[in-house]
C-alpha atoms as a PDB file:
ATOM      1  CA  MET A   1      96.269 150.998 156.077  1.00  0.00           C
ATOM      2  CA  LEU A   2      97.245 150.552 152.050  1.00  0.00           C
ATOM      3  CA  TRP A   3      99.890 148.067 153.584  1.00  0.00           C
ATOM      4  CA  LYS A   4      97.964 145.699 155.016  1.00  0.00           C
ATOM      5  CA  LYS A   5      95.856 145.202 151.857  1.00  0.00           C
ATOM      6  CA  ALA A   6      98.865 144.528 150.082  1.00  0.00           C
ATOM      7  CA  LEU A   7     100.203 142.243 152.849  1.00  0.00           C
ATOM      8  CA  LYS A   8      96.997 140.082 153.342  1.00  0.00           C
ATOM      9  CA  PHE A   9      96.860 140.054 148.979  1.00  0.00           C
ATOM     10  CA  ARG A  10     100.769 138.944 149.045  1.00  0.00           C
ATOM     11  CA  ILE A  11      99.485 136.084 151.713  1.00  0.00           C
ATOM     12  CA  ALA A  12      96.668 134.858 150.240  1.00  0.00           C
ATOM     13  CA  THR A  13      97.944 135.012 146.805  1.00  0.00           C
ATOM     14  CA  PRO A  14     100.352 131.823 147.053  1.00  0.00           C
ATOM     15  CA  ALA A  15      97.378 129.817 148.665  1.00  0.00           C
ATOM     16  CA  VAL A  16      95.223 130.539 145.878  1.00  0.00           C
ATOM     17  CA  VAL A  17      98.025 129.817 142.869  1.00  0.00           C
ATOM     18  CA  GLY A  18      98.647 126.511 144.892  1.00  0.00           C
ATOM     19  CA  ILE A  19      95.302 125.356 145.032  1.00  0.00           C
ATOM     20  CA  SER A  20      94.715 126.386 141.701  1.00  0.00           C
ATOM     21  CA  ALA A  21      97.605 124.889 140.195  1.00  0.00           C
ATOM     22  CA  MET A  22      96.859 121.374 142.802  1.00  0.00           C
ATOM     23  CA  THR A  23      93.107 121.735 140.779  1.00  0.00           C
ATOM     24  CA  MET A  24      94.522 121.625 137.448  1.00  0.00           C
ATOM     25  CA  PHE A  25      97.029 119.062 138.024  1.00  0.00           C
ATOM     26  CA  SER A  26      94.397 116.643 139.040  1.00  0.00           C
ATOM     27  CA  LEU A  27      92.405 116.981 136.306  1.00  0.00           C
ATOM     28  CA  THR A  28      94.480 116.658 134.051  1.00  0.00           C
ATOM     29  CA  ALA A  29      95.707 112.783 135.982  1.00  0.00           C
ATOM     30  CA  SER A  30      91.671 111.965 136.201  1.00  0.00           C
ATOM     31  CA  ALA A  31      91.475 112.815 132.521  1.00  0.00           C
ATOM     32  CA  ALA A  32      94.756 111.365 131.653  1.00  0.00           C
ATOM     33  CA  ASP A  33      96.249 108.230 130.522  1.00  0.00           C
ATOM     34  CA  LEU A  34      94.652 104.897 129.337  1.00  0.00           C
ATOM     35  CA  VAL A  35      96.598 101.565 127.920  1.00  0.00           C
ATOM     36  CA  CYS A  36      94.864  99.549 125.013  1.00  0.00           C
ATOM     37  CA  ARG A  37      95.285  95.481 125.331  1.00  0.00           C
ATOM     38  CA  GLY A  38      94.400  93.134 122.363  1.00  0.00           C
ATOM     39  CA  THR A  39      95.184  89.768 120.794  1.00  0.00           C
ATOM     40  CA  ILE A  40      96.403  88.855 116.757  1.00  0.00           C
ATOM     41  CA  GLN A  41      94.089  85.849 116.198  1.00  0.00           C
ATOM     42  CA  ARG A  42      96.742  83.423 114.093  1.00  0.00           C
ATOM     43  CA  ALA A  43      95.495  80.100 112.700  1.00  0.00           C
ATOM     44  CA  ASN A  44      98.844  77.863 112.425  1.00  0.00           C
ATOM     45  CA  ALA A  45     100.759  79.616 115.369  1.00  0.00           C
ATOM     46  CA  ASP A  46     100.905  81.446 118.370  1.00  0.00           C
ATOM     47  CA  ASN A  47      98.501  84.323 119.208  1.00  0.00           C
ATOM     48  CA  ILE A  48     100.506  88.068 119.003  1.00  0.00           C
ATOM     49  CA  VAL A  49      98.900  90.139 122.524  1.00  0.00           C
ATOM     50  CA  PHE A  50      99.909  93.785 122.012  1.00  0.00           C
ATOM     51  CA  THR A  51      99.865  96.693 124.197  1.00  0.00           C
ATOM     52  CA  VAL A  52      99.720 100.384 123.415  1.00  0.00           C
ATOM     53  CA  PRO A  53      99.313 103.403 125.884  1.00  0.00           C
ATOM     54  CA  TRP A  54      97.473 106.728 124.867  1.00  0.00           C
ATOM     55  CA  SER A  55      98.075 109.785 127.083  1.00  0.00           C
ATOM     56  CA  PRO A  56      96.922 113.199 125.995  1.00  0.00           C
ATOM     57  CA  ASN A  57      99.565 114.351 125.920  1.00  0.00           C
ATOM     58  CA  THR A  58     100.840 112.236 122.824  1.00  0.00           C
ATOM     59  CA  GLY A  59      97.790 110.402 121.663  1.00  0.00           C
ATOM     60  CA  PHE A  60      98.396 107.296 120.256  1.00  0.00           C
ATOM     61  CA  GLU A  61     101.919 108.519 118.826  1.00  0.00           C
ATOM     62  CA  GLN A  62     103.618 106.005 121.221  1.00  0.00           C
ATOM     63  CA  GLU A  63     105.167 102.814 120.704  1.00  0.00           C
ATOM     64  CA  VAL A  64     103.315  99.130 120.562  1.00  0.00           C
ATOM     65  CA  GLU A  65     104.592  96.370 122.438  1.00  0.00           C
ATOM     66  CA  PHE A  66     104.356  92.284 120.999  1.00  0.00           C
ATOM     67  CA  ARG A  67     104.670  89.729 123.145  1.00  0.00           C
ATOM     68  CA  ASN A  68     103.544  86.569 122.694  1.00  0.00           C
ATOM     69  CA  GLU A  69     100.144  85.049 124.030  1.00  0.00           C
ATOM     70  CA  ARG A  70     101.203  81.650 125.267  1.00  0.00           C
ATOM     71  CA  THR A  71     105.007  82.462 126.827  1.00  0.00           C
ATOM     72  CA  GLY A  72     104.539  85.794 127.186  1.00  0.00           C
ATOM     73  CA  ALA A  73     107.826  86.588 125.562  1.00  0.00           C
ATOM     74  CA  GLY A  74     108.498  90.154 124.225  1.00  0.00           C
ATOM     75  CA  ILE A  75     107.972  89.554 120.346  1.00  0.00           C
ATOM     76  CA  SER A  76     108.869  93.268 118.964  1.00  0.00           C
ATOM     77  CA  ARG A  77     108.007  96.852 120.191  1.00  0.00           C
ATOM     78  CA  SER A  78     106.873  98.931 117.186  1.00  0.00           C
ATOM     79  CA  SER A  79     108.544 102.650 115.938  1.00  0.00           C
ATOM     80  CA  ARG A  80     106.997 105.392 117.885  1.00  0.00           C
ATOM     81  CA  LEU A  81     103.283 105.669 115.701  1.00  0.00           C
ATOM     82  CA  ARG A  82     102.787 108.840 113.599  1.00  0.00           C
ATOM     83  CA  PHE A  83      99.234 110.351 112.647  1.00  0.00           C
ATOM     84  CA  ASP A  84      98.656 109.943 109.185  1.00  0.00           C
ATOM     85  CA  ARG A  85      94.719 110.528 108.463  1.00  0.00           C
ATOM     86  CA  PRO A  86      91.334 109.605 109.508  1.00  0.00           C
ATOM     87  CA  ASN A  87      89.831 107.196 107.128  1.00  0.00           C
ATOM     88  CA  ASP A  88      86.582 107.735 105.231  1.00  0.00           C
ATOM     89  CA  GLN A  89      84.266 107.194 108.690  1.00  0.00           C
ATOM     90  CA  GLY A  90      86.485 109.668 110.475  1.00  0.00           C
ATOM     91  CA  GLN A  91      88.674 107.133 112.702  1.00  0.00           C
ATOM     92  CA  ARG A  92      91.901 108.486 113.093  1.00  0.00           C
ATOM     93  CA  ILE A  93      95.382 106.093 111.457  1.00  0.00           C
ATOM     94  CA  TYR A  94      98.595 105.917 112.942  1.00  0.00           C
ATOM     95  CA  ARG A  95     101.060 104.230 111.113  1.00  0.00           C
ATOM     96  CA  GLY A  96     104.577 102.775 111.819  1.00  0.00           C
ATOM     97  CA  ASP A  97     107.086  99.622 111.621  1.00  0.00           C
ATOM     98  CA  VAL A  98     109.174  97.599 113.738  1.00  0.00           C
ATOM     99  CA  ALA A  99     112.776  97.418 112.876  1.00  0.00           C
ATOM    100  CA  GLY A 100     111.921  99.219 109.376  1.00  0.00           C
ATOM    101  CA  MET A 101     110.624  95.716 107.929  1.00  0.00           C
ATOM    102  CA  ALA A 102     107.227  94.828 109.374  1.00  0.00           C
ATOM    103  CA  SER A 103     104.365  97.753 108.874  1.00  0.00           C
ATOM    104  CA  VAL A 104     102.320  98.706 112.081  1.00  0.00           C
ATOM    105  CA  THR A 105      98.369 100.153 111.669  1.00  0.00           C
ATOM    106  CA  LEU A 106      96.606 101.298 114.489  1.00  0.00           C
ATOM    107  CA  ILE A 107      92.724 102.244 113.747  1.00  0.00           C
ATOM    108  CA  ASN A 108      91.254 104.302 117.010  1.00  0.00           C
ATOM    109  CA  LEU A 109      88.043 103.055 116.270  1.00  0.00           C
ATOM    110  CA  SER A 110      85.953 105.307 118.902  1.00  0.00           C
ATOM    111  CA  GLY A 111      85.550 108.507 116.279  1.00  0.00           C
ATOM    112  CA  PHE A 112      87.115 110.275 118.991  1.00  0.00           C
ATOM    113  CA  VAL A 113      90.710 112.022 119.571  1.00  0.00           C
ATOM    114  CA  GLN A 114      90.515 110.722 122.835  1.00  0.00           C
ATOM    115  CA  PRO A 115      89.153 107.049 123.449  1.00  0.00           C
ATOM    116  CA  PRO A 116      87.233 106.982 126.164  1.00  0.00           C
ATOM    117  CA  PRO A 117      87.494 104.176 128.428  1.00  0.00           C
ATOM    118  CA  GLY A 118      86.227 101.024 126.841  1.00  0.00           C
ATOM    119  CA  SER A 119      86.366 101.981 123.497  1.00  0.00           C
ATOM    120  CA  GLN A 120      88.196  99.531 120.560  1.00  0.00           C
ATOM    121  CA  ILE A 121      91.502  99.943 118.646  1.00  0.00           C
ATOM    122  CA  SER A 122      92.589  98.113 115.688  1.00  0.00           C
ATOM    123  CA  VAL A 123      96.265  97.216 115.483  1.00  0.00           C
ATOM    124  CA  ASN A 124      97.714  95.474 112.120  1.00  0.00           C
ATOM    125  CA  LEU A 125     100.953  93.878 112.046  1.00  0.00           C
ATOM    126  CA  ASP A 126     102.323  92.844 108.844  1.00  0.00           C
ATOM    127  CA  GLY A 127      98.946  92.227 107.349  1.00  0.00           C
ATOM    128  CA  GLN A 128      97.885  90.463 110.644  1.00  0.00           C
ATOM    129  CA  TRP A 129      95.042  92.640 112.245  1.00  0.00           C
ATOM    130  CA  GLY A 130      93.518  92.161 116.133  1.00  0.00           C
ATOM    131  CA  ARG A 131      90.957  94.373 117.885  1.00  0.00           C
ATOM    132  CA  GLY A 132      91.750  95.661 121.231  1.00  0.00           C
ATOM    133  CA  THR A 133      89.483  97.344 124.216  1.00  0.00           C
ATOM    134  CA  CYS A 134      90.791 100.249 125.969  1.00  0.00           C
ATOM    135  CA  SER A 135      91.086 101.531 129.647  1.00  0.00           C
ATOM    136  CA  ASN A 136      92.308 102.994 132.620  1.00  0.00           C
ATOM    137  CA  ARG A 137      95.948 102.127 133.333  1.00  0.00           C
END
């Protein structure tokens, strides 16, 4: 009779493990990726729109994509942003550059490591600031 209990356990175990793995992956996927989009307003030139993803694995430590708002043409892509420090308000600051020349700064205005959908960021491209909003992908 003892072998029947062992057999039942072996048959049930993969299903239990499979269900828990599926639950874990579905929770990770649902609480996951955001994309933040915004605009850098410029008085004497075309505005610049930016896009930066956020994920639970890397946070904002990713590349920022910059495009011409009027034409949609890609202007540049930043280096991978790196966490610098929190500012005096506890907002996380990330820094990078474009081709080693123009500085890029991102400030997560939400105050949370994982920004909720609807939260805002500020992005600076070489001294020009813009505001963006994060949403689910």
